[in-house]
C-alpha cells in the first residue's frame, strides 16, 4: 500500500565536513524525527512527519529549502528483486521518476512528475 508524505530538498551552503551534521542536528535539536534522508551533491532530501517544523528548524539554522513536494512511500520487502518489481510497475505505467531513496522501516520514497499516475501504478 502506498502512502503520501512530504520531502524537503535543502541545499548545504558549503561543501565541507560537518554540514550534513549541522542540518540533521537542527532537526534533532527541535525534536523532529527523520523518517528518511538522502544527501547528493550538496542537496539533502529530508522526509519527516512534520514538514512545517522541519522547514522552520532548517531555515533558522541557515539552510535553504529549495523544494517541498509530495512523495509516495511504499513498503518494500528485504529480499532480492523486491524494489525491482515496484519499479517495473512504475515503468510499465510510463511514469517518470524524479528521485527515490530508501527510508526507515524498509520504505521506498518515490517522487514522480505525476503523483496521481504514480499512486495509480502502485495500487492497481
PDB file of N, CA and C in Angstrom:
ATOM      1  N   UNK A   1       0.840  -1.181   0.000  1.00  0.00           N
ATOM      2  CA  UNK A   1       0.000   0.000   0.000  1.00  0.00           C
ATOM      3  C   UNK A   1       0.885   1.244   0.000  1.00  0.00           C
ATOM      4  N   UNK A   2       0.531   2.205  -0.811  1.00  0.00           N
ATOM      5  CA  UNK A   2       1.300   3.435  -0.929  1.00  0.00           C
ATOM      6  C   UNK A   2       0.698   4.524  -0.051  1.00  0.00           C
ATOM      7  N   UNK A   3       1.561   5.337   0.524  1.00  0.00           N
ATOM      8  CA  UNK A   3       1.142   6.470   1.351  1.00  0.00           C
ATOM      9  C   UNK A   3       1.811   7.730   0.818  1.00  0.00           C
ATOM     10  N   UNK A   4       1.170   8.870   1.001  1.00  0.00           N
ATOM     11  CA  UNK A   4       1.720  10.148   0.569  1.00  0.00           C
ATOM     12  C   UNK A   4       2.429  10.804   1.757  1.00  0.00           C
ATOM     13  N   UNK A   5       3.585  11.405   1.491  1.00  0.00           N
ATOM     14  CA  UNK A   5       4.355  12.117   2.503  1.00  0.00           C
ATOM     15  C   UNK A   5       4.966  13.352   1.836  1.00  0.00           C
ATOM     16  N   UNK A   6       5.734  14.119   2.603  1.00  0.00           N
ATOM     17  CA  UNK A   6       6.373  15.323   2.075  1.00  0.00           C
ATOM     18  C   UNK A   6       7.888  15.210   2.193  1.00  0.00           C
ATOM     19  N   UNK A   7       8.562  15.559   1.110  1.00  0.00           N
ATOM     20  CA  UNK A   7      10.025  15.583   1.056  1.00  0.00           C
ATOM     21  C   UNK A   7      10.461  17.038   0.934  1.00  0.00           C
ATOM     22  N   UNK A   8      11.445  17.427   1.752  1.00  0.00           N
ATOM     23  CA  UNK A   8      12.040  18.757   1.657  1.00  0.00           C
ATOM     24  C   UNK A   8      13.436  18.613   1.062  1.00  0.00           C
ATOM     25  N   UNK A   9      13.716  19.340  -0.007  1.00  0.00           N
ATOM     26  CA  UNK A   9      15.060  19.379  -0.582  1.00  0.00           C
ATOM     27  C   UNK A   9      15.741  20.635  -0.052  1.00  0.00           C
ATOM     28  N   UNK A  10      16.895  20.449   0.583  1.00  0.00           N
ATOM     29  CA  UNK A  10      17.594  21.518   1.292  1.00  0.00           C
ATOM     30  C   UNK A  10      19.018  21.605   0.768  1.00  0.00           C
ATOM     31  N   UNK A  11      19.467  22.807   0.456  1.00  0.00           N
ATOM     32  CA  UNK A  11      20.843  22.963   0.000  1.00  0.00           C
ATOM     33  C   UNK A  11      21.786  23.122   1.185  1.00  0.00           C
ATOM     34  N   UNK A  12      22.938  22.507   1.051  1.00  0.00           N
ATOM     35  CA  UNK A  12      24.013  22.706   2.023  1.00  0.00           C
ATOM     36  C   UNK A  12      24.852  23.857   1.492  1.00  0.00           C
ATOM     37  N   UNK A  13      25.010  24.937   2.252  1.00  0.00           N
ATOM     38  CA  UNK A  13      25.689  26.119   1.722  1.00  0.00           C
ATOM     39  C   UNK A  13      27.165  25.919   1.410  1.00  0.00           C
ATOM     40  N   UNK A  14      27.830  25.016   2.111  1.00  0.00           N
ATOM     41  CA  UNK A  14      29.255  24.770   1.876  1.00  0.00           C
ATOM     42  C   UNK A  14      29.490  23.274   1.737  1.00  0.00           C
ATOM     43  N   UNK A  15      30.448  22.922   0.879  1.00  0.00           N
ATOM     44  CA  UNK A  15      30.831  21.519   0.713  1.00  0.00           C
ATOM     45  C   UNK A  15      32.043  21.266   1.602  1.00  0.00           C
ATOM     46  N   UNK A  16      31.752  21.038   2.877  1.00  0.00           N
ATOM     47  CA  UNK A  16      32.835  20.796   3.822  1.00  0.00           C
ATOM     48  C   UNK A  16      32.340  19.863   4.924  1.00  0.00           C
ATOM     49  N   UNK A  17      33.263  19.237   5.629  1.00  0.00           N
ATOM     50  CA  UNK A  17      32.868  18.322   6.699  1.00  0.00           C
ATOM     51  C   UNK A  17      31.984  19.013   7.735  1.00  0.00           C
ATOM     52  N   UNK A  18      30.958  18.306   8.169  1.00  0.00           N
ATOM     53  CA  UNK A  18      30.097  18.792   9.224  1.00  0.00           C
ATOM     54  C   UNK A  18      28.825  19.474   8.765  1.00  0.00           C
ATOM     55  N   UNK A  19      28.681  19.779   7.470  1.00  0.00           N
ATOM     56  CA  UNK A  19      27.481  20.488   7.011  1.00  0.00           C
ATOM     57  C   UNK A  19      26.237  19.603   7.100  1.00  0.00           C
ATOM     58  N   UNK A  20      26.342  18.347   6.724  1.00  0.00           N
ATOM     59  CA  UNK A  20      25.203  17.444   6.851  1.00  0.00           C
ATOM     60  C   UNK A  20      24.839  17.279   8.322  1.00  0.00           C
ATOM     61  N   UNK A  21      25.846  17.142   9.170  1.00  0.00           N
ATOM     62  CA  UNK A  21      25.620  17.054  10.611  1.00  0.00           C
ATOM     63  C   UNK A  21      24.849  18.270  11.111  1.00  0.00           C
ATOM     64  N   UNK A  22      25.237  19.457  10.663  1.00  0.00           N
ATOM     65  CA  UNK A  22      24.575  20.684  11.103  1.00  0.00           C
ATOM     66  C   UNK A  22      23.092  20.658  10.731  1.00  0.00           C
ATOM     67  N   UNK A  23      22.779  20.223   9.521  1.00  0.00           N
ATOM     68  CA  UNK A  23      21.384  20.164   9.085  1.00  0.00           C
ATOM     69  C   UNK A  23      20.598  19.152   9.916  1.00  0.00           C
ATOM     70  N   UNK A  24      21.168  17.970  10.108  1.00  0.00           N
ATOM     71  CA  UNK A  24      20.472  16.939  10.870  1.00  0.00           C
ATOM     72  C   UNK A  24      20.351  17.328  12.340  1.00  0.00           C
ATOM     73  N   UNK A  25      21.365  18.007  12.852  1.00  0.00           N
ATOM     74  CA  UNK A  25      21.319  18.459  14.236  1.00  0.00           C
ATOM     75  C   UNK A  25      20.243  19.541  14.428  1.00  0.00           C
ATOM     76  N   UNK A  26      20.051  20.373  13.425  1.00  0.00           N
ATOM     77  CA  UNK A  26      19.000  21.394  13.507  1.00  0.00           C
ATOM     78  C   UNK A  26      17.638  20.740  13.694  1.00  0.00           C
ATOM     79  N   UNK A  27      17.432  19.614  13.048  1.00  0.00           N
ATOM     80  CA  UNK A  27      16.165  18.892  13.169  1.00  0.00           C
ATOM     81  C   UNK A  27      16.056  18.196  14.526  1.00  0.00           C
ATOM     82  N   UNK A  28      17.081  17.443  14.875  1.00  0.00           N
ATOM     83  CA  UNK A  28      17.015  16.691  16.137  1.00  0.00           C
ATOM     84  C   UNK A  28      16.956  17.630  17.339  1.00  0.00           C
ATOM     85  N   UNK A  29      17.588  18.785  17.227  1.00  0.00           N
ATOM     86  CA  UNK A  29      17.558  19.759  18.314  1.00  0.00           C
ATOM     87  C   UNK A  29      16.159  20.283  18.599  1.00  0.00           C
ATOM     88  N   UNK A  30      15.298  20.202  17.597  1.00  0.00           N
ATOM     89  CA  UNK A  30      13.904  20.627  17.772  1.00  0.00           C
ATOM     90  C   UNK A  30      12.983  19.431  18.030  1.00  0.00           C
ATOM     91  N   UNK A  31      13.577  18.246  18.214  1.00  0.00           N
ATOM     92  CA  UNK A  31      12.778  17.051  18.492  1.00  0.00           C
ATOM     93  C   UNK A  31      12.082  16.492  17.269  1.00  0.00           C
ATOM     94  N   UNK A  32      12.578  16.818  16.083  1.00  0.00           N
ATOM     95  CA  UNK A  32      11.961  16.368  14.836  1.00  0.00           C
ATOM     96  C   UNK A  32      12.621  15.059  14.402  1.00  0.00           C
ATOM     97  N   UNK A  33      11.808  14.017  14.263  1.00  0.00           N
ATOM     98  CA  UNK A  33      12.302  12.716  13.855  1.00  0.00           C
ATOM     99  C   UNK A  33      12.406  12.641  12.336  1.00  0.00           C
ATOM    100  N   UNK A  34      13.522  12.127  11.856  1.00  0.00           N
ATOM    101  CA  UNK A  34      13.681  11.899  10.424  1.00  0.00           C
ATOM    102  C   UNK A  34      13.100  10.542  10.069  1.00  0.00           C
ATOM    103  N   UNK A  35      12.205  10.528   9.102  1.00  0.00           N
ATOM    104  CA  UNK A  35      11.674   9.273   8.570  1.00  0.00           C
ATOM    105  C   UNK A  35      12.627   8.714   7.523  1.00  0.00           C
ATOM    106  N   UNK A  36      13.435   9.578   6.949  1.00  0.00           N
ATOM    107  CA  UNK A  36      14.426   9.188   5.949  1.00  0.00           C
ATOM    108  C   UNK A  36      15.166  10.418   5.475  1.00  0.00           C
ATOM    109  N   UNK A  37      16.322  10.197   4.873  1.00  0.00           N
ATOM    110  CA  UNK A  37      17.057  11.297   4.248  1.00  0.00           C
ATOM    111  C   UNK A  37      18.047  10.730   3.249  1.00  0.00           C
ATOM    112  N   UNK A  38      18.421  11.572   2.315  1.00  0.00           N
ATOM    113  CA  UNK A  38      19.456  11.235   1.337  1.00  0.00           C
ATOM    114  C   UNK A  38      20.177  12.526   0.993  1.00  0.00           C
ATOM    115  N   UNK A  39      21.496  12.459   0.895  1.00  0.00           N
ATOM    116  CA  UNK A  39      22.286  13.627   0.525  1.00  0.00           C
ATOM    117  C   UNK A  39      23.017  13.304  -0.762  1.00  0.00           C
ATOM    118  N   UNK A  40      22.841  14.181  -1.764  1.00  0.00           N
ATOM    119  CA  UNK A  40      23.503  14.002  -3.050  1.00  0.00           C
ATOM    120  C   UNK A  40      24.005  15.342  -3.552  1.00  0.00           C
ATOM    121  N   UNK A  41      25.310  15.474  -3.628  1.00  0.00           N
ATOM    122  CA  UNK A  41      25.950  16.640  -4.222  1.00  0.00           C
ATOM    123  C   UNK A  41      25.438  17.960  -3.651  1.00  0.00           C
ATOM    124  N   UNK A  42      25.396  18.038  -2.332  1.00  0.00           N
ATOM    125  CA  UNK A  42      25.056  19.292  -1.684  1.00  0.00           C
ATOM    126  C   UNK A  42      23.573  19.555  -1.494  1.00  0.00           C
ATOM    127  N   UNK A  43      22.735  18.583  -1.831  1.00  0.00           N
ATOM    128  CA  UNK A  43      21.300  18.717  -1.598  1.00  0.00           C
ATOM    129  C   UNK A  43      20.863  17.558  -0.704  1.00  0.00           C
ATOM    130  N   UNK A  44      20.224  17.896   0.406  1.00  0.00           N
ATOM    131  CA  UNK A  44      19.726  16.895   1.337  1.00  0.00           C
ATOM    132  C   UNK A  44      18.223  16.790   1.159  1.00  0.00           C
ATOM    133  N   UNK A  45      17.740  15.573   0.962  1.00  0.00           N
ATOM    134  CA  UNK A  45      16.300  15.312   0.927  1.00  0.00           C
ATOM    135  C   UNK A  45      15.912  14.816   2.303  1.00  0.00           C
ATOM    136  N   UNK A  46      14.946  15.488   2.914  1.00  0.00           N
ATOM    137  CA  UNK A  46      14.515  15.184   4.272  1.00  0.00           C
ATOM    138  C   UNK A  46      13.054  14.744   4.239  1.00  0.00           C
ATOM    139  N   UNK A  47      12.799  13.583   4.808  1.00  0.00           N
ATOM    140  CA  UNK A  47      11.440  13.065   4.935  1.00  0.00           C
ATOM    141  C   UNK A  47      11.086  13.074   6.411  1.00  0.00           C
ATOM    142  N   UNK A  48      10.023  13.786   6.748  1.00  0.00           N
ATOM    143  CA  UNK A  48       9.604  13.899   8.141  1.00  0.00           C
ATOM    144  C   UNK A  48       8.095  13.989   8.216  1.00  0.00           C
ATOM    145  N   UNK A  49       7.551  13.647   9.359  1.00  0.00           N
ATOM    146  CA  UNK A  49       6.102  13.730   9.532  1.00  0.00           C
ATOM    147  C   UNK A  49       5.638  15.149   9.822  1.00  0.00           C
ATOM    148  N   UNK A  50       6.565  16.054  10.057  1.00  0.00           N
ATOM    149  CA  UNK A  50       6.214  17.441  10.354  1.00  0.00           C
ATOM    150  C   UNK A  50       7.024  18.391   9.464  1.00  0.00           C
ATOM    151  N   UNK A  51       6.632  18.502   8.175  1.00  0.00           N
ATOM    152  CA  UNK A  51       7.430  19.317   7.247  1.00  0.00           C
ATOM    153  C   UNK A  51       7.502  20.798   7.625  1.00  0.00           C
ATOM    154  N   UNK A  52       6.449  21.337   8.236  1.00  0.00           N
ATOM    155  CA  UNK A  52       6.470  22.752   8.608  1.00  0.00           C
ATOM    156  C   UNK A  52       7.530  23.020   9.673  1.00  0.00           C
ATOM    157  N   UNK A  53       7.550  22.181  10.710  1.00  0.00           N
ATOM    158  CA  UNK A  53       8.541  22.349  11.774  1.00  0.00           C
ATOM    159  C   UNK A  53       9.943  22.085  11.237  1.00  0.00           C
ATOM    160  N   UNK A  54      10.087  21.102  10.344  1.00  0.00           N
ATOM    161  CA  UNK A  54      11.397  20.800   9.764  1.00  0.00           C
ATOM    162  C   UNK A  54      11.900  21.985   8.944  1.00  0.00           C
ATOM    163  N   UNK A  55      11.014  22.557   8.128  1.00  0.00           N
ATOM    164  CA  UNK A  55      11.397  23.725   7.321  1.00  0.00           C
ATOM    165  C   UNK A  55      11.844  24.866   8.231  1.00  0.00           C
ATOM    166  N   UNK A  56      11.080  25.136   9.270  1.00  0.00           N
ATOM    167  CA  UNK A  56      11.427  26.217  10.197  1.00  0.00           C
ATOM    168  C   UNK A  56      12.777  25.970  10.863  1.00  0.00           C
ATOM    169  N   UNK A  57      13.009  24.756  11.338  1.00  0.00           N
ATOM    170  CA  UNK A  57      14.273  24.433  12.015  1.00  0.00           C
ATOM    171  C   UNK A  57      15.453  24.580  11.071  1.00  0.00           C
ATOM    172  N   UNK A  58      15.305  24.095   9.841  1.00  0.00           N
ATOM    173  CA  UNK A  58      16.399  24.180   8.867  1.00  0.00           C
ATOM    174  C   UNK A  58      16.677  25.622   8.467  1.00  0.00           C
ATOM    175  N   UNK A  59      15.635  26.385   8.216  1.00  0.00           N
ATOM    176  CA  UNK A  59      15.838  27.781   7.820  1.00  0.00           C
ATOM    177  C   UNK A  59      16.425  28.604   8.963  1.00  0.00           C
ATOM    178  N   UNK A  60      16.015  28.333  10.183  1.00  0.00           N
ATOM    179  CA  UNK A  60      16.577  29.024  11.338  1.00  0.00           C
ATOM    180  C   UNK A  60      18.068  28.735  11.475  1.00  0.00           C
ATOM    181  N   UNK A  61      18.476  27.519  11.089  1.00  0.00           N
ATOM    182  CA  UNK A  61      19.890  27.129  11.161  1.00  0.00           C
ATOM    183  C   UNK A  61      20.692  27.618   9.951  1.00  0.00           C
ATOM    184  N   UNK A  62      20.043  28.341   9.039  1.00  0.00           N
ATOM    185  CA  UNK A  62      20.757  28.924   7.903  1.00  0.00           C
ATOM    186  C   UNK A  62      20.698  28.123   6.619  1.00  0.00           C
ATOM    187  N   UNK A  63      19.858  27.112   6.560  1.00  0.00           N
ATOM    188  CA  UNK A  63      19.720  26.307   5.342  1.00  0.00           C
ATOM    189  C   UNK A  63      18.554  26.828   4.526  1.00  0.00           C
ATOM    190  N   UNK A  64      18.614  26.544   3.228  1.00  0.00           N
ATOM    191  CA  UNK A  64      17.562  26.992   2.326  1.00  0.00           C
ATOM    192  C   UNK A  64      16.812  25.786   1.771  1.00  0.00           C
ATOM    193  N   UNK A  65      15.501  25.770   1.977  1.00  0.00           N
ATOM    194  CA  UNK A  65      14.655  24.726   1.400  1.00  0.00           C
ATOM    195  C   UNK A  65      14.362  25.144  -0.035  1.00  0.00           C
ATOM    196  N   UNK A  66      14.823  24.350  -0.998  1.00  0.00           N
ATOM    197  CA  UNK A  66      14.664  24.711  -2.405  1.00  0.00           C
ATOM    198  C   UNK A  66      13.462  24.042  -3.055  1.00  0.00           C
ATOM    199  N   UNK A  67      12.963  22.985  -2.430  1.00  0.00           N
ATOM    200  CA  UNK A  67      11.765  22.332  -2.966  1.00  0.00           C
ATOM    201  C   UNK A  67      11.074  21.567  -1.854  1.00  0.00           C
ATOM    202  N   UNK A  68       9.770  21.657  -1.870  1.00  0.00           N
ATOM    203  CA  UNK A  68       8.929  20.863  -0.978  1.00  0.00           C
ATOM    204  C   UNK A  68       7.922  20.169  -1.881  1.00  0.00           C
ATOM    205  N   UNK A  69       7.906  18.851  -1.827  1.00  0.00           N
ATOM    206  CA  UNK A  69       6.979  18.157  -2.701  1.00  0.00           C
ATOM    207  C   UNK A  69       6.451  16.885  -2.073  1.00  0.00           C
ATOM    208  N   UNK A  70       5.281  16.499  -2.527  1.00  0.00           N
ATOM    209  CA  UNK A  70       4.707  15.252  -2.061  1.00  0.00           C
ATOM    210  C   UNK A  70       5.400  14.091  -2.755  1.00  0.00           C
ATOM    211  N   UNK A  71       5.571  13.035  -1.991  1.00  0.00           N
ATOM    212  CA  UNK A  71       6.197  11.811  -2.483  1.00  0.00           C
ATOM    213  C   UNK A  71       5.328  10.632  -2.044  1.00  0.00           C
ATOM    214  N   UNK A  72       5.595   9.488  -2.644  1.00  0.00           N
ATOM    215  CA  UNK A  72       4.880   8.269  -2.278  1.00  0.00           C
ATOM    216  C   UNK A  72       5.823   7.382  -1.481  1.00  0.00           C
ATOM    217  N   UNK A  73       5.309   6.833  -0.391  1.00  0.00           N
ATOM    218  CA  UNK A  73       6.055   5.865   0.419  1.00  0.00           C
ATOM    219  C   UNK A  73       5.485   4.481   0.143  1.00  0.00           C
ATOM    220  N   UNK A  74       6.374   3.546  -0.164  1.00  0.00           N
ATOM    221  CA  UNK A  74       5.960   2.186  -0.470  1.00  0.00           C
ATOM    222  C   UNK A  74       6.785   1.228   0.376  1.00  0.00           C
ATOM    223  N   UNK A  75       6.105   0.363   1.095  1.00  0.00           N
ATOM    224  CA  UNK A  75       6.797  -0.680   1.869  1.00  0.00           C
ATOM    225  C   UNK A  75       7.465  -1.645   0.892  1.00  0.00           C
ATOM    226  N   UNK A  76       8.709  -1.991   1.162  1.00  0.00           N
ATOM    227  CA  UNK A  76       9.440  -2.911   0.293  1.00  0.00           C
ATOM    228  C   UNK A  76      10.036  -4.023   1.153  1.00  0.00           C
ATOM    229  N   UNK A  77       9.889  -5.243   0.692  1.00  0.00           N
ATOM    230  CA  UNK A  77      10.451  -6.370   1.423  1.00  0.00           C
ATOM    231  C   UNK A  77      11.967  -6.379   1.295  1.00  0.00           C
ATOM    232  N   UNK A  78      12.625  -6.917   2.307  1.00  0.00           N
ATOM    233  CA  UNK A  78      14.081  -7.019   2.309  1.00  0.00           C
ATOM    234  C   UNK A  78      14.483  -8.342   1.652  1.00  0.00           C
ATOM    235  N   UNK A  79      14.345  -8.385   0.322  1.00  0.00           N
ATOM    236  CA  UNK A  79      14.712  -9.579  -0.445  1.00  0.00           C
ATOM    237  C   UNK A  79      15.068  -9.154  -1.870  1.00  0.00           C
ATOM    238  N   UNK A  80      15.853  -9.958  -2.513  1.00  0.00           N
ATOM    239  CA  UNK A  80      16.290  -9.662  -3.878  1.00  0.00           C
ATOM    240  C   UNK A  80      15.094  -9.515  -4.814  1.00  0.00           C
ATOM    241  N   UNK A  81      15.085  -8.441  -5.584  1.00  0.00           N
ATOM    242  CA  UNK A  81      14.058  -8.223  -6.588  1.00  0.00           C
ATOM    243  C   UNK A  81      12.823  -7.478  -6.112  1.00  0.00           C
ATOM    244  N   UNK A  82      12.704  -7.246  -4.832  1.00  0.00           N
ATOM    245  CA  UNK A  82      11.512  -6.587  -4.305  1.00  0.00           C
ATOM    246  C   UNK A  82      11.368  -5.165  -4.848  1.00  0.00           C
ATOM    247  N   UNK A  83      12.409  -4.366  -4.752  1.00  0.00           N
ATOM    248  CA  UNK A  83      12.349  -2.996  -5.274  1.00  0.00           C
ATOM    249  C   UNK A  83      12.193  -3.008  -6.793  1.00  0.00           C
ATOM    250  N   UNK A  84      12.860  -3.929  -7.456  1.00  0.00           N
ATOM    251  CA  UNK A  84      12.765  -4.006  -8.915  1.00  0.00           C
ATOM    252  C   UNK A  84      11.324  -4.248  -9.364  1.00  0.00           C
ATOM    253  N   UNK A  85      10.587  -5.058  -8.625  1.00  0.00           N
ATOM    254  CA  UNK A  85       9.193  -5.321  -9.013  1.00  0.00           C
ATOM    255  C   UNK A  85       8.341  -4.064  -8.872  1.00  0.00           C
ATOM    256  N   UNK A  86       8.628  -3.248  -7.876  1.00  0.00           N
ATOM    257  CA  UNK A  86       7.905  -1.987  -7.705  1.00  0.00           C
ATOM    258  C   UNK A  86       8.232  -1.032  -8.851  1.00  0.00           C
ATOM    259  N   UNK A  87       9.513  -0.927  -9.183  1.00  0.00           N
ATOM    260  CA  UNK A  87       9.905  -0.024 -10.270  1.00  0.00           C
ATOM    261  C   UNK A  87       9.448  -0.552 -11.629  1.00  0.00           C
ATOM    262  N   UNK A  88       9.255  -1.848 -11.775  1.00  0.00           N
ATOM    263  CA  UNK A  88       8.702  -2.425 -13.016  1.00  0.00           C
ATOM    264  C   UNK A  88       7.271  -1.930 -13.209  1.00  0.00           C
ATOM    265  N   UNK A  89       6.486  -1.944 -12.143  1.00  0.00           N
ATOM    266  CA  UNK A  89       5.097  -1.466 -12.232  1.00  0.00           C
ATOM    267  C   UNK A  89       5.060   0.008 -12.636  1.00  0.00           C
ATOM    268  N   UNK A  90       5.972   0.775 -12.076  1.00  0.00           N
ATOM    269  CA  UNK A  90       6.019   2.205 -12.400  1.00  0.00           C
ATOM    270  C   UNK A  90       6.428   2.409 -13.863  1.00  0.00           C
ATOM    271  N   UNK A  91       7.434   1.679 -14.304  1.00  0.00           N
ATOM    272  CA  UNK A  91       7.892   1.792 -15.698  1.00  0.00           C
ATOM    273  C   UNK A  91       6.809   1.340 -16.673  1.00  0.00           C
ATOM    274  N   UNK A  92       6.128   0.254 -16.351  1.00  0.00           N
ATOM    275  CA  UNK A  92       5.053  -0.236 -17.224  1.00  0.00           C
ATOM    276  C   UNK A  92       3.933   0.785 -17.356  1.00  0.00           C
ATOM    277  N   UNK A  93       3.723   1.582 -16.312  1.00  0.00           N
ATOM    278  CA  UNK A  93       2.704   2.638 -16.355  1.00  0.00           C
ATOM    279  C   UNK A  93       3.234   3.908 -17.021  1.00  0.00           C
ATOM    280  N   UNK A  94       4.491   3.875 -17.443  1.00  0.00           N
ATOM    281  CA  UNK A  94       5.142   5.009 -18.123  1.00  0.00           C
ATOM    282  C   UNK A  94       5.161   6.278 -17.267  1.00  0.00           C
ATOM    283  N   UNK A  95       5.430   6.075 -15.977  1.00  0.00           N
ATOM    284  CA  UNK A  95       5.540   7.190 -15.038  1.00  0.00           C
ATOM    285  C   UNK A  95       7.017   7.530 -14.874  1.00  0.00           C
ATOM    286  N   UNK A  96       7.359   8.803 -15.035  1.00  0.00           N
ATOM    287  CA  UNK A  96       8.741   9.243 -14.902  1.00  0.00           C
ATOM    288  C   UNK A  96       9.058   9.538 -13.438  1.00  0.00           C
ATOM    289  N   UNK A  97      10.097   8.899 -12.920  1.00  0.00           N
ATOM    290  CA  UNK A  97      10.530   9.094 -11.540  1.00  0.00           C
ATOM    291  C   UNK A  97      11.531  10.244 -11.492  1.00  0.00           C
ATOM    292  N   UNK A  98      11.329  11.170 -10.566  1.00  0.00           N
ATOM    293  CA  UNK A  98      12.266  12.284 -10.380  1.00  0.00           C
ATOM    294  C   UNK A  98      13.426  11.870  -9.490  1.00  0.00           C
ATOM    295  N   UNK A  99      13.114  11.172  -8.366  1.00  0.00           N
ATOM    296  CA  UNK A  99      14.139  10.628  -7.491  1.00  0.00           C
ATOM    297  C   UNK A  99      13.511   9.587  -6.593  1.00  0.00           C
ATOM    298  N   UNK A 100      14.374   8.782  -5.984  1.00  0.00           N
ATOM    299  CA  UNK A 100      13.914   7.810  -4.990  1.00  0.00           C
ATOM    300  C   UNK A 100      15.050   7.548  -4.011  1.00  0.00           C
ATOM    301  N   UNK A 101      14.681   7.137  -2.819  1.00  0.00           N
ATOM    302  CA  UNK A 101      15.660   6.723  -1.821  1.00  0.00           C
ATOM    303  C   UNK A 101      14.963   5.831  -0.817  1.00  0.00           C
ATOM    304  N   UNK A 102      15.732   5.162  -0.006  1.00  0.00           N
ATOM    305  CA  UNK A 102      15.187   4.262   0.999  1.00  0.00           C
ATOM    306  C   UNK A 102      15.051   4.998   2.323  1.00  0.00           C
ATOM    307  N   UNK A 103      13.900   4.848   2.961  1.00  0.00           N
ATOM    308  CA  UNK A 103      13.636   5.489   4.252  1.00  0.00           C
ATOM    309  C   UNK A 103      13.624   4.429   5.347  1.00  0.00           C
ATOM    310  N   UNK A 104      13.367   4.862   6.554  1.00  0.00           N
ATOM    311  CA  UNK A 104      13.308   3.945   7.688  1.00  0.00           C
ATOM    312  C   UNK A 104      12.219   2.896   7.469  1.00  0.00           C
ATOM    313  N   UNK A 105      12.354   1.798   8.152  1.00  0.00           N
ATOM    314  CA  UNK A 105      11.392   0.697   8.114  1.00  0.00           C
ATOM    315  C   UNK A 105      11.180   0.141   6.708  1.00  0.00           C
ATOM    316  N   UNK A 106      12.254   0.071   5.914  1.00  0.00           N
ATOM    317  CA  UNK A 106      12.215  -0.517   4.565  1.00  0.00           C
ATOM    318  C   UNK A 106      11.134   0.085   3.676  1.00  0.00           C
ATOM    319  N   UNK A 107      11.100   1.397   3.619  1.00  0.00           N
ATOM    320  CA  UNK A 107      10.151   2.072   2.746  1.00  0.00           C
ATOM    321  C   UNK A 107      10.905   2.803   1.648  1.00  0.00           C
ATOM    322  N   UNK A 108      10.396   2.682   0.432  1.00  0.00           N
ATOM    323  CA  UNK A 108      10.916   3.452  -0.685  1.00  0.00           C
ATOM    324  C   UNK A 108      10.201   4.799  -0.714  1.00  0.00           C
ATOM    325  N   UNK A 109      10.968   5.846  -0.911  1.00  0.00           N
ATOM    326  CA  UNK A 109      10.438   7.191  -1.120  1.00  0.00           C
ATOM    327  C   UNK A 109      10.571   7.446  -2.613  1.00  0.00           C
ATOM    328  N   UNK A 110       9.456   7.748  -3.262  1.00  0.00           N
ATOM    329  CA  UNK A 110       9.478   7.924  -4.714  1.00  0.00           C
ATOM    330  C   UNK A 110       8.781   9.228  -5.075  1.00  0.00           C
ATOM    331  N   UNK A 111       9.486  10.065  -5.812  1.00  0.00           N
ATOM    332  CA  UNK A 111       8.918  11.297  -6.356  1.00  0.00           C
ATOM    333  C   UNK A 111       8.785  11.122  -7.858  1.00  0.00           C
ATOM    334  N   UNK A 112       7.679  11.614  -8.393  1.00  0.00           N
ATOM    335  CA  UNK A 112       7.428  11.457  -9.830  1.00  0.00           C
ATOM    336  C   UNK A 112       6.876  12.751 -10.400  1.00  0.00           C
ATOM    337  N   UNK A 113       6.936  12.844 -11.739  1.00  0.00           N
ATOM    338  CA  UNK A 113       6.365  14.002 -12.422  1.00  0.00           C
ATOM    339  C   UNK A 113       4.863  14.102 -12.152  1.00  0.00           C
ATOM    340  N   UNK A 114       4.194  12.952 -12.053  1.00  0.00           N
ATOM    341  CA  UNK A 114       2.752  12.933 -11.838  1.00  0.00           C
ATOM    342  C   UNK A 114       2.437  12.001 -10.675  1.00  0.00           C
ATOM    343  N   UNK A 115       2.166  12.586  -9.525  1.00  0.00           N
ATOM    344  CA  UNK A 115       1.926  11.807  -8.310  1.00  0.00           C
ATOM    345  C   UNK A 115       0.686  10.920  -8.427  1.00  0.00           C
ATOM    346  N   UNK A 116      -0.337  11.421  -9.078  1.00  0.00           N
ATOM    347  CA  UNK A 116      -1.569  10.652  -9.244  1.00  0.00           C
ATOM    348  C   UNK A 116      -1.314   9.390 -10.076  1.00  0.00           C
ATOM    349  N   UNK A 117      -0.578   9.521 -11.171  1.00  0.00           N
ATOM    350  CA  UNK A 117      -0.258   8.357 -12.012  1.00  0.00           C
ATOM    351  C   UNK A 117       0.634   7.372 -11.249  1.00  0.00           C
ATOM    352  N   UNK A 118       1.563   7.896 -10.459  1.00  0.00           N
ATOM    353  CA  UNK A 118       2.431   7.035  -9.670  1.00  0.00           C
ATOM    354  C   UNK A 118       1.610   6.240  -8.662  1.00  0.00           C
ATOM    355  N   UNK A 119       0.738   6.902  -7.957  1.00  0.00           N
ATOM    356  CA  UNK A 119      -0.099   6.217  -6.974  1.00  0.00           C
ATOM    357  C   UNK A 119      -0.974   5.152  -7.651  1.00  0.00           C
ATOM    358  N   UNK A 120      -1.532   5.478  -8.795  1.00  0.00           N
ATOM    359  CA  UNK A 120      -2.367   4.518  -9.522  1.00  0.00           C
ATOM    360  C   UNK A 120      -1.557   3.301  -9.939  1.00  0.00           C
ATOM    361  N   UNK A 121      -0.324   3.514 -10.391  1.00  0.00           N
ATOM    362  CA  UNK A 121       0.527   2.405 -10.824  1.00  0.00           C
ATOM    363  C   UNK A 121       0.835   1.449  -9.664  1.00  0.00           C
ATOM    364  N   UNK A 122       0.866   1.992  -8.459  1.00  0.00           N
ATOM    365  CA  UNK A 122       1.229   1.172  -7.306  1.00  0.00           C
ATOM    366  C   UNK A 122       0.021   0.544  -6.614  1.00  0.00           C
ATOM    367  N   UNK A 123      -1.169   0.986  -6.941  1.00  0.00           N
ATOM    368  CA  UNK A 123      -2.356   0.429  -6.284  1.00  0.00           C
ATOM    369  C   UNK A 123      -3.171  -0.475  -7.208  1.00  0.00           C
ATOM    370  N   UNK A 124      -2.840  -0.523  -8.473  1.00  0.00           N
ATOM    371  CA  UNK A 124      -3.581  -1.396  -9.410  1.00  0.00           C
ATOM    372  C   UNK A 124      -3.239  -2.855  -9.188  1.00  0.00           C
TER     373      UNK A 124
END
